[in-house]
Amino acid sequence: MPRHETPSLYQLSKIEKVDLTGNMMLDFVLTAYNYAKLTFKKYSSQYSKQKYTQPQLFAILAYKTYNKYDYRNTIENLKISTKLQKALKLKTIPHYTTIQKFFKKITR
């Protein structure tokens, strides 16, 4: 699919099973994650540490925005939410500065 076309919810649900009837916050984050997988490259560079994918970081930013948290609270709440960690396939939780740096990079 060309990058300029907006994917439909049907296309997003084919990538990752998204249940649009459950927890609204989790559904929102999963939708943002799946959309980001279609939009961003997996990693910003072949030389990056490749600890977190760009779609994972974008979904965490969406989670931050959805809940109106600051960066530190976002990471603290992410540490508690095992469902969200599993949904985003996070092996470890990023430091809040990782999210800040990613946000700066995508808004340039």
N, C-alpha and C. Protein backbone atom coordinates (compact mmCIF):
# COMPACT_ATOMS: atom_id res chain seq x y z
N MET A 1 0.84 -1.18 0.00
CA MET A 1 0.00 0.00 0.00
C MET A 1 0.89 1.25 0.00
N PRO A 2 0.62 2.23 -0.83
CA PRO A 2 1.40 3.46 -0.84
C PRO A 2 1.30 4.17 0.52
N ARG A 3 2.34 4.87 0.87
CA ARG A 3 2.40 5.51 2.18
C ARG A 3 1.37 6.62 2.36
N HIS A 4 0.90 7.22 1.27
CA HIS A 4 0.00 8.35 1.39
C HIS A 4 -1.45 7.93 1.62
N GLU A 5 -1.78 6.67 1.40
CA GLU A 5 -3.15 6.22 1.61
C GLU A 5 -3.37 5.88 3.08
N THR A 6 -4.50 6.29 3.62
CA THR A 6 -4.84 5.98 4.99
C THR A 6 -5.44 4.58 5.05
N PRO A 7 -4.87 3.70 5.89
CA PRO A 7 -5.42 2.34 5.97
C PRO A 7 -6.77 2.34 6.70
N SER A 8 -7.61 1.42 6.31
CA SER A 8 -8.91 1.30 6.96
C SER A 8 -8.75 0.48 8.23
N LEU A 9 -9.78 0.51 9.09
CA LEU A 9 -9.76 -0.30 10.30
C LEU A 9 -9.70 -1.78 9.94
N TYR A 10 -10.29 -2.16 8.83
CA TYR A 10 -10.24 -3.55 8.40
C TYR A 10 -8.80 -3.96 8.10
N GLN A 11 -8.05 -3.10 7.40
CA GLN A 11 -6.65 -3.41 7.10
C GLN A 11 -5.82 -3.48 8.38
N LEU A 12 -6.11 -2.58 9.32
CA LEU A 12 -5.39 -2.60 10.58
C LEU A 12 -5.69 -3.87 11.36
N SER A 13 -6.92 -4.31 11.36
CA SER A 13 -7.27 -5.51 12.12
C SER A 13 -6.65 -6.76 11.51
N LYS A 14 -6.32 -6.71 10.21
CA LYS A 14 -5.67 -7.86 9.59
C LYS A 14 -4.21 -7.98 10.03
N ILE A 15 -3.57 -6.86 10.35
CA ILE A 15 -2.18 -6.88 10.79
C ILE A 15 -2.08 -7.49 12.18
N GLU A 16 -2.83 -6.98 13.09
CA GLU A 16 -2.83 -7.42 14.48
C GLU A 16 -4.29 -7.53 14.88
N LYS A 17 -4.65 -8.59 15.52
CA LYS A 17 -6.05 -8.76 15.89
C LYS A 17 -6.45 -7.65 16.86
N VAL A 18 -7.36 -6.80 16.42
CA VAL A 18 -7.82 -5.68 17.21
C VAL A 18 -9.30 -5.88 17.51
N ASP A 19 -9.61 -5.98 18.78
CA ASP A 19 -10.99 -6.10 19.21
C ASP A 19 -11.49 -4.70 19.53
N LEU A 20 -12.36 -4.17 18.70
CA LEU A 20 -12.82 -2.79 18.87
C LEU A 20 -14.00 -2.68 19.83
N THR A 21 -14.28 -3.72 20.62
CA THR A 21 -15.41 -3.68 21.54
C THR A 21 -14.99 -3.71 23.00
N GLY A 22 -13.71 -3.91 23.30
CA GLY A 22 -13.25 -4.08 24.68
C GLY A 22 -12.83 -2.78 25.32
N ASN A 23 -11.72 -2.83 26.01
CA ASN A 23 -11.14 -1.69 26.69
C ASN A 23 -10.81 -0.60 25.67
N MET A 24 -11.44 0.55 25.80
CA MET A 24 -11.28 1.61 24.80
C MET A 24 -9.84 2.12 24.72
N MET A 25 -9.18 2.26 25.87
CA MET A 25 -7.82 2.76 25.86
C MET A 25 -6.87 1.77 25.19
N LEU A 26 -7.03 0.49 25.51
CA LEU A 26 -6.20 -0.54 24.90
C LEU A 26 -6.47 -0.63 23.39
N ASP A 27 -7.72 -0.54 23.01
CA ASP A 27 -8.07 -0.55 21.58
C ASP A 27 -7.45 0.64 20.85
N PHE A 28 -7.48 1.80 21.49
CA PHE A 28 -6.89 3.00 20.90
C PHE A 28 -5.39 2.81 20.69
N VAL A 29 -4.71 2.31 21.71
CA VAL A 29 -3.26 2.12 21.63
C VAL A 29 -2.91 1.07 20.58
N LEU A 30 -3.67 -0.01 20.51
CA LEU A 30 -3.42 -1.04 19.50
C LEU A 30 -3.64 -0.50 18.09
N THR A 31 -4.66 0.30 17.92
CA THR A 31 -4.93 0.90 16.62
C THR A 31 -3.78 1.84 16.23
N ALA A 32 -3.32 2.64 17.19
CA ALA A 32 -2.18 3.54 16.92
C ALA A 32 -0.94 2.72 16.59
N TYR A 33 -0.73 1.63 17.29
CA TYR A 33 0.43 0.76 17.05
C TYR A 33 0.37 0.15 15.65
N ASN A 34 -0.78 -0.36 15.28
CA ASN A 34 -0.93 -0.96 13.95
C ASN A 34 -0.80 0.07 12.84
N TYR A 35 -1.34 1.24 13.05
CA TYR A 35 -1.21 2.31 12.06
C TYR A 35 0.26 2.71 11.92
N ALA A 36 0.95 2.78 13.05
CA ALA A 36 2.37 3.15 13.02
C ALA A 36 3.20 2.10 12.30
N LYS A 37 2.80 0.83 12.40
CA LYS A 37 3.52 -0.22 11.69
C LYS A 37 3.42 -0.03 10.18
N LEU A 38 2.31 0.53 9.72
CA LEU A 38 2.14 0.81 8.30
C LEU A 38 2.86 2.09 7.87
N THR A 39 3.07 2.99 8.79
CA THR A 39 3.60 4.31 8.47
C THR A 39 5.11 4.43 8.66
N PHE A 40 5.62 3.94 9.78
CA PHE A 40 7.03 4.09 10.11
C PHE A 40 7.84 2.88 9.68
N LYS A 41 9.13 3.11 9.43
CA LYS A 41 10.05 2.00 9.28
C LYS A 41 10.20 1.37 10.66
N LYS A 42 10.61 0.10 10.69
CA LYS A 42 10.72 -0.58 11.98
C LYS A 42 11.72 0.13 12.89
N TYR A 43 12.88 0.48 12.35
CA TYR A 43 13.91 1.19 13.12
C TYR A 43 14.33 2.42 12.33
N SER A 44 14.79 3.43 13.04
CA SER A 44 15.16 4.68 12.37
C SER A 44 16.44 4.53 11.58
N SER A 45 17.31 3.60 11.99
CA SER A 45 18.58 3.41 11.32
C SER A 45 19.04 1.97 11.52
N GLN A 46 19.81 1.49 10.59
CA GLN A 46 20.35 0.13 10.76
C GLN A 46 21.39 0.10 11.87
N TYR A 47 21.87 1.26 12.29
CA TYR A 47 22.89 1.35 13.33
C TYR A 47 22.30 1.65 14.71
N SER A 48 20.98 1.82 14.80
CA SER A 48 20.39 2.10 16.10
C SER A 48 20.48 0.86 16.99
N LYS A 49 20.25 1.04 18.28
CA LYS A 49 20.34 -0.08 19.22
C LYS A 49 19.27 -1.14 18.95
N GLN A 50 18.20 -0.76 18.33
CA GLN A 50 17.09 -1.65 17.95
C GLN A 50 16.49 -2.36 19.16
N LYS A 51 16.39 -1.61 20.24
CA LYS A 51 15.77 -2.13 21.46
C LYS A 51 14.25 -1.98 21.39
N TYR A 52 13.80 -0.87 20.80
CA TYR A 52 12.37 -0.59 20.63
C TYR A 52 12.13 -0.20 19.18
N THR A 53 11.00 -0.62 18.64
CA THR A 53 10.67 -0.23 17.27
C THR A 53 10.02 1.14 17.29
N GLN A 54 10.07 1.81 16.15
CA GLN A 54 9.40 3.12 16.05
C GLN A 54 7.89 3.00 16.27
N PRO A 55 7.23 1.94 15.75
CA PRO A 55 5.80 1.81 16.06
C PRO A 55 5.50 1.64 17.55
N GLN A 56 6.36 0.94 18.28
CA GLN A 56 6.17 0.80 19.72
C GLN A 56 6.27 2.16 20.40
N LEU A 57 7.27 2.93 20.03
CA LEU A 57 7.46 4.25 20.64
C LEU A 57 6.30 5.18 20.29
N PHE A 58 5.83 5.10 19.05
CA PHE A 58 4.69 5.94 18.66
C PHE A 58 3.44 5.57 19.45
N ALA A 59 3.22 4.27 19.65
CA ALA A 59 2.05 3.83 20.42
C ALA A 59 2.14 4.30 21.87
N ILE A 60 3.34 4.31 22.42
CA ILE A 60 3.51 4.83 23.79
C ILE A 60 3.20 6.33 23.82
N LEU A 61 3.61 7.06 22.78
CA LEU A 61 3.25 8.49 22.69
C LEU A 61 1.73 8.68 22.59
N ALA A 62 1.08 7.80 21.83
CA ALA A 62 -0.38 7.87 21.72
C ALA A 62 -1.03 7.61 23.07
N TYR A 63 -0.49 6.65 23.81
CA TYR A 63 -0.98 6.33 25.16
C TYR A 63 -0.81 7.54 26.08
N LYS A 64 0.34 8.20 25.97
CA LYS A 64 0.61 9.40 26.77
C LYS A 64 -0.41 10.49 26.46
N THR A 65 -0.66 10.71 25.18
CA THR A 65 -1.59 11.75 24.76
C THR A 65 -3.02 11.40 25.16
N TYR A 66 -3.41 10.15 24.96
CA TYR A 66 -4.77 9.70 25.28
C TYR A 66 -5.09 9.94 26.75
N ASN A 67 -4.12 9.67 27.63
CA ASN A 67 -4.35 9.80 29.07
C ASN A 67 -3.93 11.15 29.64
N LYS A 68 -3.37 12.02 28.81
CA LYS A 68 -2.91 13.35 29.23
C LYS A 68 -1.89 13.24 30.36
N TYR A 69 -0.97 12.28 30.23
CA TYR A 69 0.11 12.08 31.19
C TYR A 69 1.34 12.86 30.76
N ASP A 70 2.26 13.07 31.71
CA ASP A 70 3.58 13.53 31.31
C ASP A 70 4.42 12.29 31.03
N TYR A 71 5.65 12.48 30.61
CA TYR A 71 6.47 11.35 30.18
C TYR A 71 6.74 10.37 31.33
N ARG A 72 7.05 10.89 32.49
CA ARG A 72 7.35 10.01 33.63
C ARG A 72 6.14 9.20 34.06
N ASN A 73 4.99 9.83 34.14
CA ASN A 73 3.78 9.09 34.52
C ASN A 73 3.41 8.04 33.47
N THR A 74 3.65 8.35 32.23
CA THR A 74 3.38 7.38 31.16
C THR A 74 4.18 6.11 31.38
N ILE A 75 5.45 6.25 31.65
CA ILE A 75 6.32 5.09 31.86
C ILE A 75 5.95 4.36 33.14
N GLU A 76 5.63 5.08 34.21
CA GLU A 76 5.23 4.43 35.46
C GLU A 76 3.95 3.61 35.27
N ASN A 77 3.00 4.14 34.53
CA ASN A 77 1.76 3.40 34.28
C ASN A 77 1.97 2.25 33.31
N LEU A 78 2.89 2.40 32.41
CA LEU A 78 3.21 1.33 31.48
C LEU A 78 3.85 0.15 32.21
N LYS A 79 4.65 0.45 33.23
CA LYS A 79 5.26 -0.61 34.04
C LYS A 79 4.20 -1.47 34.74
N ILE A 80 3.09 -0.86 35.11
CA ILE A 80 2.02 -1.56 35.83
C ILE A 80 1.14 -2.35 34.88
N SER A 81 0.93 -1.85 33.68
CA SER A 81 -0.01 -2.45 32.73
C SER A 81 0.62 -3.58 31.93
N THR A 82 0.45 -4.80 32.39
CA THR A 82 1.00 -5.95 31.66
C THR A 82 0.26 -6.20 30.35
N LYS A 83 -1.03 -5.87 30.31
CA LYS A 83 -1.78 -6.03 29.05
C LYS A 83 -1.20 -5.14 27.96
N LEU A 84 -0.90 -3.93 28.33
CA LEU A 84 -0.34 -2.99 27.36
C LEU A 84 1.06 -3.41 26.93
N GLN A 85 1.85 -3.91 27.86
CA GLN A 85 3.19 -4.40 27.52
C GLN A 85 3.10 -5.56 26.53
N LYS A 86 2.17 -6.47 26.77
CA LYS A 86 2.00 -7.61 25.86
C LYS A 86 1.47 -7.15 24.50
N ALA A 87 0.54 -6.21 24.51
CA ALA A 87 -0.04 -5.73 23.26
C ALA A 87 1.01 -5.06 22.38
N LEU A 88 1.94 -4.34 23.01
CA LEU A 88 2.98 -3.63 22.26
C LEU A 88 4.24 -4.48 22.09
N LYS A 89 4.20 -5.70 22.62
CA LYS A 89 5.34 -6.63 22.52
C LYS A 89 6.62 -6.03 23.08
N LEU A 90 6.50 -5.40 24.25
CA LEU A 90 7.65 -4.79 24.91
C LEU A 90 8.33 -5.82 25.81
N LYS A 91 9.61 -6.03 25.60
CA LYS A 91 10.39 -6.92 26.48
C LYS A 91 10.86 -6.16 27.71
N THR A 92 11.21 -4.89 27.51
CA THR A 92 11.58 -4.00 28.61
C THR A 92 10.84 -2.68 28.42
N ILE A 93 10.77 -1.92 29.49
CA ILE A 93 10.08 -0.63 29.44
C ILE A 93 11.12 0.45 29.14
N PRO A 94 10.86 1.31 28.16
CA PRO A 94 11.84 2.36 27.84
C PRO A 94 11.90 3.42 28.94
N HIS A 95 13.02 4.09 29.03
CA HIS A 95 13.17 5.22 29.93
C HIS A 95 12.36 6.38 29.34
N TYR A 96 11.88 7.25 30.19
CA TYR A 96 11.03 8.33 29.68
C TYR A 96 11.76 9.23 28.69
N THR A 97 13.09 9.35 28.81
CA THR A 97 13.82 10.20 27.86
C THR A 97 13.84 9.59 26.46
N THR A 98 13.71 8.27 26.36
CA THR A 98 13.63 7.62 25.05
C THR A 98 12.39 8.10 24.31
N ILE A 99 11.28 8.22 25.03
CA ILE A 99 10.03 8.69 24.44
C ILE A 99 10.15 10.16 24.06
N GLN A 100 10.77 10.96 24.93
CA GLN A 100 10.96 12.38 24.63
C GLN A 100 11.80 12.57 23.37
N LYS A 101 12.88 11.83 23.26
CA LYS A 101 13.76 11.95 22.10
C LYS A 101 13.06 11.52 20.82
N PHE A 102 12.27 10.46 20.91
CA PHE A 102 11.51 10.00 19.74
C PHE A 102 10.51 11.08 19.31
N PHE A 103 9.82 11.70 20.27
CA PHE A 103 8.87 12.75 19.95
C PHE A 103 9.57 13.92 19.26
N LYS A 104 10.73 14.32 19.78
CA LYS A 104 11.47 15.42 19.15
C LYS A 104 11.85 15.07 17.72
N LYS A 105 12.25 13.81 17.52
CA LYS A 105 12.70 13.40 16.20
C LYS A 105 11.56 13.40 15.19
N ILE A 106 10.38 12.94 15.57
CA ILE A 106 9.29 12.87 14.60
C ILE A 106 8.60 14.21 14.37
N THR A 107 8.85 15.19 15.23
CA THR A 107 8.21 16.50 15.05
C THR A 107 9.14 17.52 14.39
N ARG A 108 10.32 17.08 13.99
CA ARG A 108 11.24 18.01 13.29
C ARG A 108 10.73 18.37 11.95
